[in-house]
């Protein structure tokens, strides 16, 4: 079983990344598709424009963002197939969730990683 991990898309690509999934709604600035080496761009799993905008304008609302994004994921009909895909990939190797923001301790990839791990317990 592989490892589910997260890292910035601007960090160097590594063979240890395994499958690489961009989990941002917007394409990262200054990064070409070739440089990204993506296996999937999970736009439909990323935070909605509404909650992303609220959090972007007020980073102090991170606790609110965590709750709102978690609720979005739990109610997103595209989330269960995404979980299944990640599960299948983890059976063969690592999966890396990629994000663009500078903040490494408060971001959407951390929230997604936490929710995914809960759903992957039976993987």
N, C-alpha and C. Protein backbone atom coordinates (compact mmCIF):
# COMPACT_ATOMS: atom_id res chain seq x y z
N UNK A 1 0.85 -1.18 0.00
CA UNK A 1 0.00 0.00 0.00
C UNK A 1 0.89 1.24 0.00
N UNK A 2 0.56 2.17 -0.87
CA UNK A 2 1.33 3.41 -0.97
C UNK A 2 0.97 4.39 0.14
N UNK A 3 1.57 5.55 0.05
CA UNK A 3 1.38 6.62 1.04
C UNK A 3 0.65 7.78 0.38
N UNK A 4 -0.35 8.33 1.07
CA UNK A 4 -1.02 9.55 0.64
C UNK A 4 -0.23 10.71 1.23
N UNK A 5 0.23 11.62 0.39
CA UNK A 5 1.05 12.73 0.85
C UNK A 5 0.65 14.01 0.14
N UNK A 6 1.12 15.13 0.66
CA UNK A 6 0.84 16.42 0.02
C UNK A 6 2.14 17.19 -0.15
N UNK A 7 2.15 18.06 -1.17
CA UNK A 7 3.28 18.96 -1.37
C UNK A 7 2.89 20.07 -2.32
N UNK A 8 3.68 21.13 -2.31
CA UNK A 8 3.43 22.25 -3.23
C UNK A 8 3.78 21.83 -4.65
N UNK A 9 3.00 22.30 -5.58
CA UNK A 9 3.26 21.97 -6.97
C UNK A 9 4.57 22.58 -7.45
N UNK A 10 5.06 23.58 -6.74
CA UNK A 10 6.31 24.23 -7.11
C UNK A 10 7.54 23.47 -6.60
N UNK A 11 7.33 22.49 -5.73
CA UNK A 11 8.43 21.65 -5.27
C UNK A 11 8.85 20.72 -6.41
N UNK A 12 10.11 20.29 -6.41
CA UNK A 12 10.58 19.41 -7.50
C UNK A 12 9.77 18.11 -7.58
N UNK A 13 9.57 17.66 -8.81
CA UNK A 13 8.93 16.37 -9.05
C UNK A 13 9.88 15.27 -8.59
N UNK A 14 9.31 14.24 -7.96
CA UNK A 14 10.12 13.14 -7.45
C UNK A 14 9.46 11.81 -7.82
N UNK A 15 10.25 10.78 -8.08
CA UNK A 15 9.66 9.46 -8.32
C UNK A 15 8.82 8.98 -7.13
N UNK A 16 9.14 9.48 -5.92
CA UNK A 16 8.39 9.10 -4.72
C UNK A 16 6.99 9.71 -4.69
N UNK A 17 6.72 10.67 -5.59
CA UNK A 17 5.39 11.28 -5.65
C UNK A 17 4.34 10.26 -6.05
N UNK A 18 4.70 9.31 -6.88
CA UNK A 18 3.70 8.38 -7.42
C UNK A 18 2.73 9.14 -8.31
N UNK A 19 1.45 8.88 -8.14
CA UNK A 19 0.42 9.60 -8.90
C UNK A 19 0.31 11.01 -8.35
N UNK A 20 0.28 11.98 -9.24
CA UNK A 20 0.25 13.40 -8.85
C UNK A 20 -1.10 14.00 -9.20
N UNK A 21 -1.78 14.56 -8.17
CA UNK A 21 -3.12 15.13 -8.35
C UNK A 21 -3.10 16.59 -7.92
N UNK A 22 -3.42 17.49 -8.84
CA UNK A 22 -3.58 18.90 -8.49
C UNK A 22 -4.96 19.06 -7.88
N UNK A 23 -5.03 19.63 -6.68
CA UNK A 23 -6.30 19.74 -5.96
C UNK A 23 -6.76 21.20 -5.82
N UNK A 24 -6.27 22.06 -6.70
CA UNK A 24 -6.69 23.47 -6.73
C UNK A 24 -7.65 23.68 -7.89
N UNK A 25 -8.56 24.62 -7.73
CA UNK A 25 -9.53 24.94 -8.79
C UNK A 25 -8.87 25.72 -9.92
N UNK A 26 -7.91 26.57 -9.56
CA UNK A 26 -7.24 27.40 -10.56
C UNK A 26 -5.86 26.82 -10.87
N UNK A 27 -5.45 26.97 -12.14
CA UNK A 27 -4.12 26.48 -12.52
C UNK A 27 -3.05 27.33 -11.84
N UNK A 28 -1.98 26.72 -11.32
CA UNK A 28 -0.94 27.47 -10.62
C UNK A 28 -0.15 28.40 -11.56
N UNK A 29 0.06 29.60 -11.10
CA UNK A 29 0.77 30.60 -11.89
C UNK A 29 2.20 30.15 -12.18
N UNK A 30 2.61 30.40 -13.41
CA UNK A 30 3.99 30.15 -13.80
C UNK A 30 4.34 28.69 -14.01
N UNK A 31 3.38 27.80 -13.95
CA UNK A 31 3.63 26.37 -14.10
C UNK A 31 3.00 25.89 -15.41
N UNK A 32 3.76 25.24 -16.25
CA UNK A 32 3.19 24.69 -17.48
C UNK A 32 2.63 23.30 -17.19
N UNK A 33 1.78 22.83 -18.08
CA UNK A 33 1.23 21.48 -17.93
C UNK A 33 2.35 20.44 -17.97
N UNK A 34 3.34 20.68 -18.81
CA UNK A 34 4.46 19.74 -18.91
C UNK A 34 5.26 19.69 -17.61
N UNK A 35 5.49 20.85 -17.01
CA UNK A 35 6.26 20.91 -15.76
C UNK A 35 5.51 20.28 -14.59
N UNK A 36 4.19 20.30 -14.64
CA UNK A 36 3.38 19.80 -13.53
C UNK A 36 3.41 18.28 -13.41
N UNK A 37 3.59 17.58 -14.51
CA UNK A 37 3.61 16.11 -14.50
C UNK A 37 2.41 15.53 -13.76
N UNK A 38 1.22 15.97 -14.13
CA UNK A 38 0.00 15.55 -13.43
C UNK A 38 -0.57 14.25 -13.99
N UNK A 39 -1.15 13.48 -13.09
CA UNK A 39 -1.97 12.34 -13.49
C UNK A 39 -3.44 12.72 -13.47
N UNK A 40 -3.77 13.76 -12.69
CA UNK A 40 -5.16 14.20 -12.58
C UNK A 40 -5.19 15.63 -12.06
N UNK A 41 -6.09 16.42 -12.63
CA UNK A 41 -6.39 17.75 -12.09
C UNK A 41 -7.80 17.64 -11.53
N UNK A 42 -7.94 17.58 -10.23
CA UNK A 42 -9.22 17.33 -9.57
C UNK A 42 -9.94 18.64 -9.26
N UNK A 43 -10.25 19.40 -10.30
CA UNK A 43 -10.94 20.68 -10.12
C UNK A 43 -12.26 20.51 -9.38
N UNK A 44 -12.99 19.45 -9.70
CA UNK A 44 -14.32 19.24 -9.12
C UNK A 44 -14.27 18.84 -7.65
N UNK A 45 -13.10 18.52 -7.16
CA UNK A 45 -12.93 18.13 -5.76
C UNK A 45 -12.39 19.31 -4.94
N UNK A 46 -11.90 20.32 -5.62
CA UNK A 46 -11.32 21.48 -4.93
C UNK A 46 -12.42 22.33 -4.30
N UNK A 47 -12.04 23.22 -3.38
CA UNK A 47 -13.05 24.09 -2.76
C UNK A 47 -13.78 24.94 -3.80
N UNK A 48 -15.05 25.18 -3.57
CA UNK A 48 -15.83 26.02 -4.49
C UNK A 48 -15.24 27.43 -4.51
N UNK A 49 -15.54 28.14 -5.58
CA UNK A 49 -15.07 29.52 -5.70
C UNK A 49 -15.57 30.36 -4.53
N UNK A 50 -16.78 30.08 -4.07
CA UNK A 50 -17.38 30.85 -2.97
C UNK A 50 -16.56 30.73 -1.68
N UNK A 51 -16.30 29.52 -1.23
CA UNK A 51 -15.57 29.40 0.04
C UNK A 51 -14.10 29.74 -0.13
N UNK A 52 -13.55 29.48 -1.30
CA UNK A 52 -12.16 29.85 -1.56
C UNK A 52 -11.98 31.36 -1.48
N UNK A 53 -12.92 32.10 -2.05
CA UNK A 53 -12.85 33.56 -2.04
C UNK A 53 -12.98 34.12 -0.62
N UNK A 54 -13.92 33.59 0.15
CA UNK A 54 -14.09 34.05 1.53
C UNK A 54 -12.81 33.82 2.33
N UNK A 55 -12.25 32.63 2.21
CA UNK A 55 -11.02 32.31 2.95
C UNK A 55 -9.84 33.15 2.45
N UNK A 56 -9.75 33.32 1.14
CA UNK A 56 -8.65 34.10 0.55
C UNK A 56 -8.64 35.53 1.10
N UNK A 57 -9.82 36.11 1.27
CA UNK A 57 -9.91 37.48 1.75
C UNK A 57 -9.81 37.59 3.28
N UNK A 58 -9.92 36.45 3.97
CA UNK A 58 -9.84 36.48 5.43
C UNK A 58 -9.22 35.16 5.93
N UNK A 59 -7.89 35.03 5.83
CA UNK A 59 -7.24 33.79 6.26
C UNK A 59 -7.48 33.42 7.72
N UNK A 60 -7.92 34.36 8.54
CA UNK A 60 -8.22 34.06 9.94
C UNK A 60 -9.41 33.12 10.06
N UNK A 61 -10.15 32.95 8.98
CA UNK A 61 -11.32 32.08 8.99
C UNK A 61 -10.96 30.63 8.61
N UNK A 62 -9.76 30.19 8.91
CA UNK A 62 -9.36 28.84 8.51
C UNK A 62 -10.26 27.77 9.12
N UNK A 63 -10.63 27.90 10.38
CA UNK A 63 -11.51 26.90 11.00
C UNK A 63 -12.84 26.84 10.26
N UNK A 64 -13.37 27.99 9.87
CA UNK A 64 -14.60 28.03 9.08
C UNK A 64 -14.37 27.34 7.74
N UNK A 65 -13.23 27.63 7.10
CA UNK A 65 -12.90 27.05 5.81
C UNK A 65 -12.84 25.52 5.90
N UNK A 66 -12.21 25.00 6.94
CA UNK A 66 -12.10 23.55 7.12
C UNK A 66 -13.49 22.93 7.18
N UNK A 67 -14.37 23.52 7.98
CA UNK A 67 -15.73 22.99 8.12
C UNK A 67 -16.49 23.09 6.80
N UNK A 68 -16.41 24.25 6.14
CA UNK A 68 -17.16 24.46 4.89
C UNK A 68 -16.66 23.53 3.79
N UNK A 69 -15.35 23.38 3.65
CA UNK A 69 -14.80 22.52 2.60
C UNK A 69 -15.09 21.05 2.89
N UNK A 70 -14.99 20.65 4.15
CA UNK A 70 -15.32 19.27 4.51
C UNK A 70 -16.77 18.97 4.16
N UNK A 71 -17.66 19.90 4.48
CA UNK A 71 -19.08 19.72 4.15
C UNK A 71 -19.28 19.63 2.64
N UNK A 72 -18.58 20.46 1.89
CA UNK A 72 -18.67 20.39 0.43
C UNK A 72 -18.24 19.03 -0.08
N UNK A 73 -17.13 18.53 0.44
CA UNK A 73 -16.64 17.22 0.00
C UNK A 73 -17.66 16.13 0.30
N UNK A 74 -18.20 16.14 1.50
CA UNK A 74 -19.15 15.10 1.91
C UNK A 74 -20.43 15.12 1.07
N UNK A 75 -20.76 16.28 0.51
CA UNK A 75 -21.98 16.41 -0.30
C UNK A 75 -21.71 16.44 -1.80
N UNK A 76 -20.47 16.28 -2.19
CA UNK A 76 -20.09 16.33 -3.60
C UNK A 76 -20.25 14.94 -4.22
N UNK A 77 -21.15 14.79 -5.22
CA UNK A 77 -21.34 13.47 -5.83
C UNK A 77 -20.10 12.96 -6.56
N UNK A 78 -19.15 13.84 -6.85
CA UNK A 78 -17.92 13.41 -7.53
C UNK A 78 -16.84 12.96 -6.54
N UNK A 79 -17.10 13.15 -5.24
CA UNK A 79 -16.10 12.76 -4.25
C UNK A 79 -15.97 11.24 -4.10
N UNK A 80 -17.05 10.46 -4.00
CA UNK A 80 -16.88 9.00 -3.88
C UNK A 80 -16.08 8.37 -5.03
N UNK A 81 -16.34 8.73 -6.30
CA UNK A 81 -15.49 8.17 -7.36
C UNK A 81 -14.02 8.59 -7.24
N UNK A 82 -13.81 9.81 -6.76
CA UNK A 82 -12.44 10.29 -6.54
C UNK A 82 -11.76 9.44 -5.46
N UNK A 83 -12.47 9.18 -4.37
CA UNK A 83 -11.93 8.34 -3.30
C UNK A 83 -11.58 6.96 -3.86
N UNK A 84 -12.46 6.40 -4.66
CA UNK A 84 -12.20 5.08 -5.26
C UNK A 84 -10.95 5.10 -6.13
N UNK A 85 -10.79 6.15 -6.93
CA UNK A 85 -9.61 6.26 -7.79
C UNK A 85 -8.34 6.34 -6.96
N UNK A 86 -8.35 7.17 -5.93
CA UNK A 86 -7.18 7.30 -5.06
C UNK A 86 -6.88 5.96 -4.39
N UNK A 87 -7.90 5.27 -3.95
CA UNK A 87 -7.73 3.95 -3.32
C UNK A 87 -7.03 2.98 -4.28
N UNK A 88 -7.49 2.94 -5.52
CA UNK A 88 -6.88 2.04 -6.50
C UNK A 88 -5.41 2.40 -6.74
N UNK A 89 -5.12 3.69 -6.84
CA UNK A 89 -3.74 4.11 -7.04
C UNK A 89 -2.87 3.78 -5.83
N UNK A 90 -3.42 3.95 -4.61
CA UNK A 90 -2.65 3.66 -3.41
C UNK A 90 -2.31 2.18 -3.29
N UNK A 91 -3.11 1.33 -3.87
CA UNK A 91 -2.81 -0.11 -3.85
C UNK A 91 -1.56 -0.43 -4.66
N UNK A 92 -1.18 0.49 -5.56
CA UNK A 92 -0.03 0.27 -6.43
C UNK A 92 1.16 1.16 -6.11
N UNK A 93 0.94 2.22 -5.30
CA UNK A 93 2.04 3.13 -5.01
C UNK A 93 1.56 4.40 -4.31
N UNK A 94 2.43 5.37 -4.23
CA UNK A 94 2.12 6.62 -3.56
C UNK A 94 1.19 7.50 -4.38
N UNK A 95 0.49 8.39 -3.68
CA UNK A 95 -0.37 9.40 -4.30
C UNK A 95 -0.03 10.72 -3.62
N UNK A 96 0.21 11.75 -4.43
CA UNK A 96 0.56 13.07 -3.90
C UNK A 96 -0.48 14.09 -4.31
N UNK A 97 -1.05 14.76 -3.31
CA UNK A 97 -1.99 15.86 -3.54
C UNK A 97 -1.16 17.14 -3.65
N UNK A 98 -1.34 17.86 -4.74
CA UNK A 98 -0.56 19.06 -5.01
C UNK A 98 -1.39 20.31 -4.87
N UNK A 99 -0.80 21.33 -4.26
CA UNK A 99 -1.48 22.62 -4.08
C UNK A 99 -0.48 23.73 -4.37
N UNK A 100 -0.98 24.95 -4.60
CA UNK A 100 -0.11 26.04 -5.01
C UNK A 100 0.17 27.08 -3.92
N UNK A 101 -0.71 27.23 -2.95
CA UNK A 101 -0.54 28.32 -1.98
C UNK A 101 0.76 28.19 -1.19
N UNK A 102 1.24 29.31 -0.71
CA UNK A 102 2.50 29.34 0.04
C UNK A 102 2.33 28.72 1.42
N UNK A 103 1.17 28.89 2.01
CA UNK A 103 0.91 28.43 3.37
C UNK A 103 0.91 26.90 3.42
N UNK A 104 1.87 26.34 4.12
CA UNK A 104 1.97 24.89 4.18
C UNK A 104 1.20 24.28 5.35
N UNK A 105 0.81 25.10 6.33
CA UNK A 105 0.14 24.56 7.51
C UNK A 105 -1.37 24.82 7.53
N UNK A 106 -1.88 25.59 6.57
CA UNK A 106 -3.32 25.84 6.47
C UNK A 106 -3.67 25.97 4.99
N UNK A 107 -4.17 24.88 4.41
CA UNK A 107 -4.53 24.92 3.00
C UNK A 107 -5.54 23.82 2.67
N UNK A 108 -6.10 23.90 1.49
CA UNK A 108 -7.13 22.95 1.09
C UNK A 108 -6.61 21.52 0.97
N UNK A 109 -5.35 21.35 0.60
CA UNK A 109 -4.81 20.00 0.47
C UNK A 109 -4.76 19.29 1.81
N UNK A 110 -4.46 20.01 2.88
CA UNK A 110 -4.46 19.41 4.22
C UNK A 110 -5.86 18.94 4.61
N UNK A 111 -6.85 19.77 4.30
CA UNK A 111 -8.24 19.40 4.61
C UNK A 111 -8.63 18.16 3.80
N UNK A 112 -8.33 18.20 2.51
CA UNK A 112 -8.67 17.06 1.65
C UNK A 112 -7.95 15.80 2.10
N UNK A 113 -6.68 15.91 2.45
CA UNK A 113 -5.93 14.76 2.93
C UNK A 113 -6.61 14.14 4.16
N UNK A 114 -7.03 14.97 5.10
CA UNK A 114 -7.69 14.48 6.31
C UNK A 114 -9.00 13.75 5.97
N UNK A 115 -9.82 14.37 5.15
CA UNK A 115 -11.11 13.77 4.79
C UNK A 115 -10.88 12.48 3.99
N UNK A 116 -9.94 12.52 3.06
CA UNK A 116 -9.63 11.33 2.27
C UNK A 116 -9.19 10.17 3.15
N UNK A 117 -8.32 10.44 4.10
CA UNK A 117 -7.83 9.37 4.98
C UNK A 117 -8.97 8.71 5.74
N UNK A 118 -9.95 9.50 6.14
CA UNK A 118 -11.13 8.93 6.80
C UNK A 118 -11.88 7.98 5.86
N UNK A 119 -12.03 8.39 4.62
CA UNK A 119 -12.76 7.58 3.64
C UNK A 119 -11.94 6.40 3.11
N UNK A 120 -10.64 6.47 3.25
CA UNK A 120 -9.77 5.41 2.74
C UNK A 120 -9.48 4.32 3.78
N UNK A 121 -10.07 4.42 4.96
CA UNK A 121 -9.80 3.43 6.01
C UNK A 121 -10.16 2.02 5.57
N UNK A 122 -11.14 1.89 4.69
CA UNK A 122 -11.55 0.57 4.21
C UNK A 122 -10.96 0.23 2.86
N UNK A 123 -9.97 0.99 2.44
CA UNK A 123 -9.36 0.78 1.12
C UNK A 123 -8.54 -0.50 1.13
